[in-house]
Amino acid sequence: MLEIKNLNAGYGEIKVIKDVSLTLQNGSVSVLMGPNGAGKSTLLKSVFNITDIDSGKVFFEEEDITRLPAHALLEKGIAFVSQGRVNFSTLSVEDNLRLGAHHVQDKAEVDSRLEQVYKQFPILKDRRKEYAFSLSGGQQQMLAIGRALMSKPRLLLMDEPSLGLAPKLVKEVFKKIIEIRDNFDATILIVEHNLKSLMDVADHGYILVQGELVAQDTCSKLKNSPIMKKVFVGAFD
């Protein structure tokens, strides 16, 4: 589904991602882990071409998508839910969702996608005419995810979807992510700091340290591995 080969990227003179290579399997939920400043969010943004890529390639379904503009990535089936529950606060819930399918010309198709999102997140249908700013934190995260789903992505990139949410809502968001994988036939890559809950449901994990990929395996194997303890509890040289 997604293959990153020898990627080096960052922001201008600041080099963050260093020769990273990884592959995502179709239909998987994978988590990108690492300490603060490891480059996790930068790697997601590099896939979506919102960093400066110095070298390396990104392939989606065997097609080179390196440096393609965001609108082209959306049309190919890649969506990105950025950190911080970013919504259009003074638009209604439904208008926010419809913006996620602004590139789709077929009105019936847009309506069909909207109903699918409402089925996934019934609370959004209940509050569809209300302003986005009136939603709770968890509902705003659902709205941000729902807007991404309106593009009918085959690959969904998510940056810290549980950030700032209460523990009960964190579990609900992670449950919804697995449902999205199954109901929308999507492959999902998540940057997440709340690892305990997510690793119980994710398939594969990747660990970044100082911009370098230092480990990758199934989450069940990584969960209690020495590398996890070394990276997140002890010192990593």
C-alpha atoms as a PDB file:
ATOM      1  CA  MET A   1       0.000   0.000   0.000  1.00  0.00           C
ATOM      2  CA  LEU A   2       2.678   2.498   1.067  1.00  0.00           C
ATOM      3  CA  GLU A   3       6.432   2.209   0.671  1.00  0.00           C
ATOM      4  CA  ILE A   4       8.948   4.777   1.866  1.00  0.00           C
ATOM      5  CA  LYS A   5      12.483   4.343   0.530  1.00  0.00           C
ATOM      6  CA  ASN A   6      15.580   6.026   2.006  1.00  0.00           C
ATOM      7  CA  LEU A   7      13.667   9.208   2.843  1.00  0.00           C
ATOM      8  CA  ASN A   8      15.526  12.288   4.055  1.00  0.00           C
ATOM      9  CA  ALA A   9      13.336  15.284   4.888  1.00  0.00           C
ATOM     10  CA  GLY A  10      12.879  18.254   7.186  1.00  0.00           C
ATOM     11  CA  TYR A  11      12.257  21.987   7.161  1.00  0.00           C
ATOM     12  CA  GLY A  12      14.736  24.074   5.208  1.00  0.00           C
ATOM     13  CA  GLU A  13      18.151  23.659   6.810  1.00  0.00           C
ATOM     14  CA  ILE A  14      16.736  21.538   9.636  1.00  0.00           C
ATOM     15  CA  LYS A  15      17.162  17.861   8.764  1.00  0.00           C
ATOM     16  CA  VAL A  16      14.698  15.673  10.661  1.00  0.00           C
ATOM     17  CA  ILE A  17      14.081  12.393   8.814  1.00  0.00           C
ATOM     18  CA  LYS A  18      17.250  10.438   8.106  1.00  0.00           C
ATOM     19  CA  ASP A  19      17.274   7.639   5.541  1.00  0.00           C
ATOM     20  CA  VAL A  20      13.971   6.078   6.670  1.00  0.00           C
ATOM     21  CA  SER A  21      12.531   3.084   4.826  1.00  0.00           C
ATOM     22  CA  LEU A  22       9.319   1.265   5.723  1.00  0.00           C
ATOM     23  CA  THR A  23       6.392  -0.555   4.134  1.00  0.00           C
ATOM     24  CA  LEU A  24       2.709  -0.599   5.112  1.00  0.00           C
ATOM     25  CA  GLN A  25       0.612  -3.633   4.283  1.00  0.00           C
ATOM     26  CA  ASN A  26      -2.840  -3.161   2.781  1.00  0.00           C
ATOM     27  CA  GLY A  27      -5.600  -3.139   5.408  1.00  0.00           C
ATOM     28  CA  SER A  28      -3.279  -2.704   8.374  1.00  0.00           C
ATOM     29  CA  VAL A  29      -3.373  -0.294  11.305  1.00  0.00           C
ATOM     30  CA  SER A  30       0.190   0.764  12.097  1.00  0.00           C
ATOM     31  CA  VAL A  31       1.568   3.048  14.787  1.00  0.00           C
ATOM     32  CA  LEU A  32       4.591   5.311  14.518  1.00  0.00           C
ATOM     33  CA  MET A  33       6.281   5.656  17.918  1.00  0.00           C
ATOM     34  CA  GLY A  34       9.203   7.456  19.466  1.00  0.00           C
ATOM     35  CA  PRO A  35      10.168  10.084  22.057  1.00  0.00           C
ATOM     36  CA  ASN A  36       9.326  13.754  21.608  1.00  0.00           C
ATOM     37  CA  GLY A  37      11.265  15.266  18.715  1.00  0.00           C
ATOM     38  CA  ALA A  38      11.911  11.906  17.072  1.00  0.00           C
ATOM     39  CA  GLY A  39      10.415  13.043  13.751  1.00  0.00           C
ATOM     40  CA  LYS A  40       7.150  11.111  13.829  1.00  0.00           C
ATOM     41  CA  SER A  41       4.895  13.961  12.693  1.00  0.00           C
ATOM     42  CA  THR A  42       7.488  15.059  10.147  1.00  0.00           C
ATOM     43  CA  LEU A  43       7.419  11.602   8.566  1.00  0.00           C
ATOM     44  CA  LEU A  44       3.634  11.743   8.184  1.00  0.00           C
ATOM     45  CA  LYS A  45       3.845  15.240   6.733  1.00  0.00           C
ATOM     46  CA  SER A  46       6.535  14.077   4.304  1.00  0.00           C
ATOM     47  CA  VAL A  47       4.186  11.427   2.922  1.00  0.00           C
ATOM     48  CA  PHE A  48       1.637  14.216   2.413  1.00  0.00           C
ATOM     49  CA  ASN A  49       4.329  16.482   0.907  1.00  0.00           C
ATOM     50  CA  ILE A  50       4.229  19.289   3.459  1.00  0.00           C
ATOM     51  CA  THR A  51       7.929  19.134   4.362  1.00  0.00           C
ATOM     52  CA  ASP A  52      11.119  19.667   2.371  1.00  0.00           C
ATOM     53  CA  ILE A  53      12.195  16.306   0.916  1.00  0.00           C
ATOM     54  CA  ASP A  54      15.910  16.194   0.208  1.00  0.00           C
ATOM     55  CA  SER A  55      16.106  12.650  -1.155  1.00  0.00           C
ATOM     56  CA  GLY A  56      14.321   9.315  -1.175  1.00  0.00           C
ATOM     57  CA  LYS A  57      10.988   8.191  -2.567  1.00  0.00           C
ATOM     58  CA  VAL A  58       7.421   7.628  -1.416  1.00  0.00           C
ATOM     59  CA  PHE A  59       5.314   5.060  -3.298  1.00  0.00           C
ATOM     60  CA  PHE A  60       1.562   4.550  -2.997  1.00  0.00           C
ATOM     61  CA  GLU A  61       0.263   1.356  -4.586  1.00  0.00           C
ATOM     62  CA  GLU A  62       3.604   1.151  -6.443  1.00  0.00           C
ATOM     63  CA  GLU A  63       3.219   4.659  -7.923  1.00  0.00           C
ATOM     64  CA  ASP A  64       5.817   7.320  -7.113  1.00  0.00           C
ATOM     65  CA  ILE A  65       3.931  10.087  -5.257  1.00  0.00           C
ATOM     66  CA  THR A  66       6.991  11.939  -3.946  1.00  0.00           C
ATOM     67  CA  ARG A  67       6.338  15.700  -3.992  1.00  0.00           C
ATOM     68  CA  LEU A  68       2.826  15.432  -5.447  1.00  0.00           C
ATOM     69  CA  PRO A  69       0.611  18.357  -4.301  1.00  0.00           C
ATOM     70  CA  ALA A  70      -1.995  17.728  -1.600  1.00  0.00           C
ATOM     71  CA  HIS A  71      -4.982  17.893  -3.965  1.00  0.00           C
ATOM     72  CA  ALA A  72      -3.454  15.174  -6.155  1.00  0.00           C
ATOM     73  CA  LEU A  73      -2.803  12.975  -3.107  1.00  0.00           C
ATOM     74  CA  LEU A  74      -6.437  13.361  -2.028  1.00  0.00           C
ATOM     75  CA  GLU A  75      -7.629  12.349  -5.478  1.00  0.00           C
ATOM     76  CA  LYS A  76      -5.424   9.250  -5.345  1.00  0.00           C
ATOM     77  CA  GLY A  77      -6.963   8.194  -2.032  1.00  0.00           C
ATOM     78  CA  ILE A  78      -4.655   9.574   0.679  1.00  0.00           C
ATOM     79  CA  ALA A  79      -6.035  11.677   3.549  1.00  0.00           C
ATOM     80  CA  PHE A  80      -4.284  13.359   6.468  1.00  0.00           C
ATOM     81  CA  VAL A  81      -5.834  14.181   9.854  1.00  0.00           C
ATOM     82  CA  SER A  82      -3.465  16.691  11.404  1.00  0.00           C
ATOM     83  CA  GLN A  83      -2.757  17.166  15.090  1.00  0.00           C
ATOM     84  CA  GLY A  84      -5.073  19.367  17.134  1.00  0.00           C
ATOM     85  CA  ARG A  85      -8.622  18.646  15.856  1.00  0.00           C
ATOM     86  CA  VAL A  86      -8.437  21.217  13.061  1.00  0.00           C
ATOM     87  CA  ASN A  87     -11.937  22.188  11.900  1.00  0.00           C
ATOM     88  CA  PHE A  88     -13.668  25.236  10.422  1.00  0.00           C
ATOM     89  CA  SER A  89     -15.169  26.498  13.670  1.00  0.00           C
ATOM     90  CA  THR A  90     -17.810  28.878  12.279  1.00  0.00           C
ATOM     91  CA  LEU A  91     -19.157  26.431   9.714  1.00  0.00           C
ATOM     92  CA  SER A  92     -21.746  23.808  10.545  1.00  0.00           C
ATOM     93  CA  VAL A  93     -20.791  20.190  11.161  1.00  0.00           C
ATOM     94  CA  GLU A  94     -22.278  19.168   7.820  1.00  0.00           C
ATOM     95  CA  ASP A  95     -20.520  21.950   5.904  1.00  0.00           C
ATOM     96  CA  ASN A  96     -17.230  20.837   7.468  1.00  0.00           C
ATOM     97  CA  LEU A  97     -17.848  17.293   6.293  1.00  0.00           C
ATOM     98  CA  ARG A  98     -18.849  18.310   2.772  1.00  0.00           C
ATOM     99  CA  LEU A  99     -15.592  20.246   2.423  1.00  0.00           C
ATOM    100  CA  GLY A 100     -13.815  16.903   2.674  1.00  0.00           C
ATOM    101  CA  ALA A 101     -15.357  15.939  -0.664  1.00  0.00           C
ATOM    102  CA  HIS A 102     -14.992  19.296  -2.413  1.00  0.00           C
ATOM    103  CA  HIS A 103     -13.159  17.619  -5.312  1.00  0.00           C
ATOM    104  CA  VAL A 104     -16.047  15.186  -5.978  1.00  0.00           C
ATOM    105  CA  GLN A 105     -18.412  16.467  -8.673  1.00  0.00           C
ATOM    106  CA  ASP A 106     -21.156  13.834  -8.292  1.00  0.00           C
ATOM    107  CA  LYS A 107     -23.631  15.199  -5.702  1.00  0.00           C
ATOM    108  CA  ALA A 108     -25.214  11.788  -5.178  1.00  0.00           C
ATOM    109  CA  GLU A 109     -21.790  10.346  -4.396  1.00  0.00           C
ATOM    110  CA  VAL A 110     -21.112  13.125  -1.865  1.00  0.00           C
ATOM    111  CA  ASP A 111     -24.482  12.479  -0.205  1.00  0.00           C
ATOM    112  CA  SER A 112     -23.715   8.764  -0.056  1.00  0.00           C
ATOM    113  CA  ARG A 113     -20.358   9.398   1.584  1.00  0.00           C
ATOM    114  CA  LEU A 114     -21.979  11.770   4.052  1.00  0.00           C
ATOM    115  CA  GLU A 115     -24.446   9.097   5.141  1.00  0.00           C
ATOM    116  CA  GLN A 116     -21.597   6.611   5.566  1.00  0.00           C
ATOM    117  CA  VAL A 117     -19.767   9.070   7.841  1.00  0.00           C
ATOM    118  CA  TYR A 118     -22.965   9.708   9.818  1.00  0.00           C
ATOM    119  CA  LYS A 119     -23.370   5.960  10.252  1.00  0.00           C
ATOM    120  CA  GLN A 120     -19.830   5.794  11.639  1.00  0.00           C
ATOM    121  CA  PHE A 121     -20.334   8.843  13.898  1.00  0.00           C
ATOM    122  CA  PRO A 122     -24.075   9.161  14.742  1.00  0.00           C
ATOM    123  CA  ILE A 123     -23.470  12.135  17.064  1.00  0.00           C
ATOM    124  CA  LEU A 124     -22.319  14.174  14.064  1.00  0.00           C
ATOM    125  CA  LYS A 125     -25.652  13.551  12.352  1.00  0.00           C
ATOM    126  CA  ASP A 126     -27.494  14.610  15.499  1.00  0.00           C
ATOM    127  CA  ARG A 127     -25.512  17.868  15.552  1.00  0.00           C
ATOM    128  CA  ARG A 128     -25.110  18.360  11.794  1.00  0.00           C
ATOM    129  CA  LYS A 129     -26.644  21.862  11.745  1.00  0.00           C
ATOM    130  CA  GLU A 130     -24.636  23.187  14.710  1.00  0.00           C
ATOM    131  CA  TYR A 131     -21.409  25.177  14.514  1.00  0.00           C
ATOM    132  CA  ALA A 132     -18.235  23.103  14.784  1.00  0.00           C
ATOM    133  CA  PHE A 133     -16.956  25.211  17.698  1.00  0.00           C
ATOM    134  CA  SER A 134     -19.904  24.046  19.828  1.00  0.00           C
ATOM    135  CA  LEU A 135     -18.750  20.407  19.793  1.00  0.00           C
ATOM    136  CA  SER A 136     -16.861  18.765  22.639  1.00  0.00           C
ATOM    137  CA  GLY A 137     -13.205  17.829  22.175  1.00  0.00           C
ATOM    138  CA  GLY A 138     -14.032  14.224  21.328  1.00  0.00           C
ATOM    139  CA  GLN A 139     -16.748  15.261  18.892  1.00  0.00           C
ATOM    140  CA  GLN A 140     -14.389  17.710  17.190  1.00  0.00           C
ATOM    141  CA  GLN A 141     -11.899  14.876  16.701  1.00  0.00           C
ATOM    142  CA  MET A 142     -14.662  12.757  15.184  1.00  0.00           C
ATOM    143  CA  LEU A 143     -15.492  15.665  12.868  1.00  0.00           C
ATOM    144  CA  ALA A 144     -11.878  16.017  11.737  1.00  0.00           C
ATOM    145  CA  ILE A 145     -11.702  12.282  11.051  1.00  0.00           C
ATOM    146  CA  GLY A 146     -15.099  12.303   9.367  1.00  0.00           C
ATOM    147  CA  ARG A 147     -14.052  15.104   7.017  1.00  0.00           C
ATOM    148  CA  ALA A 148     -11.011  13.041   5.990  1.00  0.00           C
ATOM    149  CA  LEU A 149     -13.264  10.029   5.386  1.00  0.00           C
ATOM    150  CA  MET A 150     -15.355  12.094   2.965  1.00  0.00           C
ATOM    151  CA  SER A 151     -12.501  11.784   0.481  1.00  0.00           C
ATOM    152  CA  LYS A 152     -12.952   7.989   0.684  1.00  0.00           C
ATOM    153  CA  PRO A 153      -9.261   7.376   1.461  1.00  0.00           C
ATOM    154  CA  ARG A 154      -7.507   4.080   0.958  1.00  0.00           C
ATOM    155  CA  LEU A 155      -4.653   5.406   3.105  1.00  0.00           C
ATOM    156  CA  LEU A 156      -5.437   7.472   6.215  1.00  0.00           C
ATOM    157  CA  LEU A 157      -2.635   9.303   8.048  1.00  0.00           C
ATOM    158  CA  MET A 158      -3.460  10.435  11.597  1.00  0.00           C
ATOM    159  CA  ASP A 159      -1.303  12.633  13.829  1.00  0.00           C
ATOM    160  CA  GLU A 160      -2.003  12.125  17.558  1.00  0.00           C
ATOM    161  CA  PRO A 161      -5.783  11.564  17.342  1.00  0.00           C
ATOM    162  CA  SER A 162      -6.069  11.131  21.141  1.00  0.00           C
ATOM    163  CA  LEU A 163      -4.235  14.357  22.040  1.00  0.00           C
ATOM    164  CA  GLY A 164      -6.008  16.237  24.825  1.00  0.00           C
ATOM    165  CA  LEU A 165      -8.817  13.718  25.217  1.00  0.00           C
ATOM    166  CA  ALA A 166      -9.968  12.124  28.464  1.00  0.00           C
ATOM    167  CA  PRO A 167      -8.970   8.440  28.933  1.00  0.00           C
ATOM    168  CA  LYS A 168     -12.521   7.226  28.291  1.00  0.00           C
ATOM    169  CA  LEU A 169     -12.631   9.144  24.993  1.00  0.00           C
ATOM    170  CA  VAL A 170      -9.189   7.841  24.005  1.00  0.00           C
ATOM    171  CA  LYS A 171     -10.495   4.270  24.082  1.00  0.00           C
ATOM    172  CA  GLU A 172     -13.544   5.334  22.076  1.00  0.00           C
ATOM    173  CA  VAL A 173     -11.381   7.003  19.404  1.00  0.00           C
ATOM    174  CA  PHE A 174      -9.151   3.929  19.095  1.00  0.00           C
ATOM    175  CA  LYS A 175     -12.241   1.704  18.809  1.00  0.00           C
ATOM    176  CA  LYS A 176     -13.533   3.963  16.033  1.00  0.00           C
ATOM    177  CA  ILE A 177     -10.186   3.752  14.215  1.00  0.00           C
ATOM    178  CA  ILE A 178     -10.458  -0.044  14.003  1.00  0.00           C
ATOM    179  CA  GLU A 179     -14.054   0.268  12.810  1.00  0.00           C
ATOM    180  CA  ILE A 180     -12.908   2.739  10.141  1.00  0.00           C
ATOM    181  CA  ARG A 181     -10.287   0.273   8.920  1.00  0.00           C
ATOM    182  CA  ASP A 182     -12.981  -2.389   8.568  1.00  0.00           C
ATOM    183  CA  ASN A 183     -15.928  -0.281   7.363  1.00  0.00           C
ATOM    184  CA  PHE A 184     -14.032   1.985   4.959  1.00  0.00           C
ATOM    185  CA  ASP A 185     -11.452  -0.586   3.789  1.00  0.00           C
ATOM    186  CA  ALA A 186      -8.651   1.808   4.741  1.00  0.00           C
ATOM    187  CA  THR A 187      -5.011   1.320   5.626  1.00  0.00           C
ATOM    188  CA  ILE A 188      -4.114   3.528   8.590  1.00  0.00           C
ATOM    189  CA  LEU A 189      -0.823   4.963   9.876  1.00  0.00           C
ATOM    190  CA  ILE A 190      -1.016   6.751  13.234  1.00  0.00           C
ATOM    191  CA  VAL A 191       1.418   8.891  15.194  1.00  0.00           C
ATOM    192  CA  GLU A 192       0.398   8.463  18.826  1.00  0.00           C
ATOM    193  CA  HIS A 193       1.792   9.113  22.301  1.00  0.00           C
ATOM    194  CA  ASN A 194      -0.871   7.070  24.087  1.00  0.00           C
ATOM    195  CA  LEU A 195       0.675   3.721  23.209  1.00  0.00           C
ATOM    196  CA  LYS A 196      -0.747   1.367  25.816  1.00  0.00           C
ATOM    197  CA  SER A 197      -4.279   1.362  24.421  1.00  0.00           C
ATOM    198  CA  LEU A 198      -3.334   1.638  20.761  1.00  0.00           C
ATOM    199  CA  MET A 199      -0.784  -1.186  20.721  1.00  0.00           C
ATOM    200  CA  ASP A 200      -3.485  -3.570  21.922  1.00  0.00           C
ATOM    201  CA  VAL A 201      -5.396  -3.036  18.672  1.00  0.00           C
ATOM    202  CA  ALA A 202      -2.775  -1.999  16.079  1.00  0.00           C
ATOM    203  CA  ASP A 203      -1.066  -4.518  13.809  1.00  0.00           C
ATOM    204  CA  HIS A 204       2.404  -3.133  13.254  1.00  0.00           C
ATOM    205  CA  GLY A 205       4.705  -0.671  14.987  1.00  0.00           C
ATOM    206  CA  TYR A 206       7.650   1.478  13.931  1.00  0.00           C
ATOM    207  CA  ILE A 207      10.014   3.220  16.356  1.00  0.00           C
ATOM    208  CA  LEU A 208      11.815   6.433  15.412  1.00  0.00           C
ATOM    209  CA  VAL A 209      14.679   7.925  17.418  1.00  0.00           C
ATOM    210  CA  GLN A 210      16.293  11.197  16.316  1.00  0.00           C
ATOM    211  CA  GLY A 211      14.829  10.820  12.847  1.00  0.00           C
ATOM    212  CA  GLU A 212      16.059   7.259  12.309  1.00  0.00           C
ATOM    213  CA  LEU A 213      13.988   4.079  12.212  1.00  0.00           C
ATOM    214  CA  VAL A 214      15.482   1.871  14.941  1.00  0.00           C
ATOM    215  CA  ALA A 215      12.914  -0.942  15.134  1.00  0.00           C
ATOM    216  CA  GLN A 216       9.834  -2.337  13.426  1.00  0.00           C
ATOM    217  CA  ASP A 217       7.730  -5.400  14.163  1.00  0.00           C
ATOM    218  CA  THR A 218       4.228  -6.512  15.056  1.00  0.00           C
ATOM    219  CA  CYS A 219       2.831  -4.608  18.028  1.00  0.00           C
ATOM    220  CA  SER A 220       2.442  -7.828  19.977  1.00  0.00           C
ATOM    221  CA  LYS A 221       6.200  -8.432  19.712  1.00  0.00           C
ATOM    222  CA  LEU A 222       7.232  -4.811  20.246  1.00  0.00           C
ATOM    223  CA  LYS A 223       4.995  -4.275  23.242  1.00  0.00           C
ATOM    224  CA  ASN A 224       7.289  -5.866  25.842  1.00  0.00           C
ATOM    225  CA  SER A 225      10.518  -5.800  23.865  1.00  0.00           C
ATOM    226  CA  PRO A 226      13.838  -4.477  25.249  1.00  0.00           C
ATOM    227  CA  ILE A 227      13.906  -1.784  22.540  1.00  0.00           C
ATOM    228  CA  MET A 228      10.622  -0.300  23.811  1.00  0.00           C
ATOM    229  CA  LYS A 229      11.953  -0.093  27.346  1.00  0.00           C
ATOM    230  CA  LYS A 230      15.244   1.335  26.129  1.00  0.00           C
ATOM    231  CA  VAL A 231      13.611   4.045  24.034  1.00  0.00           C
ATOM    232  CA  PHE A 232      10.785   5.086  26.342  1.00  0.00           C
ATOM    233  CA  VAL A 233      12.188   4.381  29.803  1.00  0.00           C
ATOM    234  CA  GLY A 234      15.948   4.345  29.583  1.00  0.00           C
ATOM    235  CA  ALA A 235      18.519   6.111  27.410  1.00  0.00           C
ATOM    236  CA  PHE A 236      18.979   5.307  23.754  1.00  0.00           C
ATOM    237  CA  ASP A 237      22.473   5.767  22.315  1.00  0.00           C
END
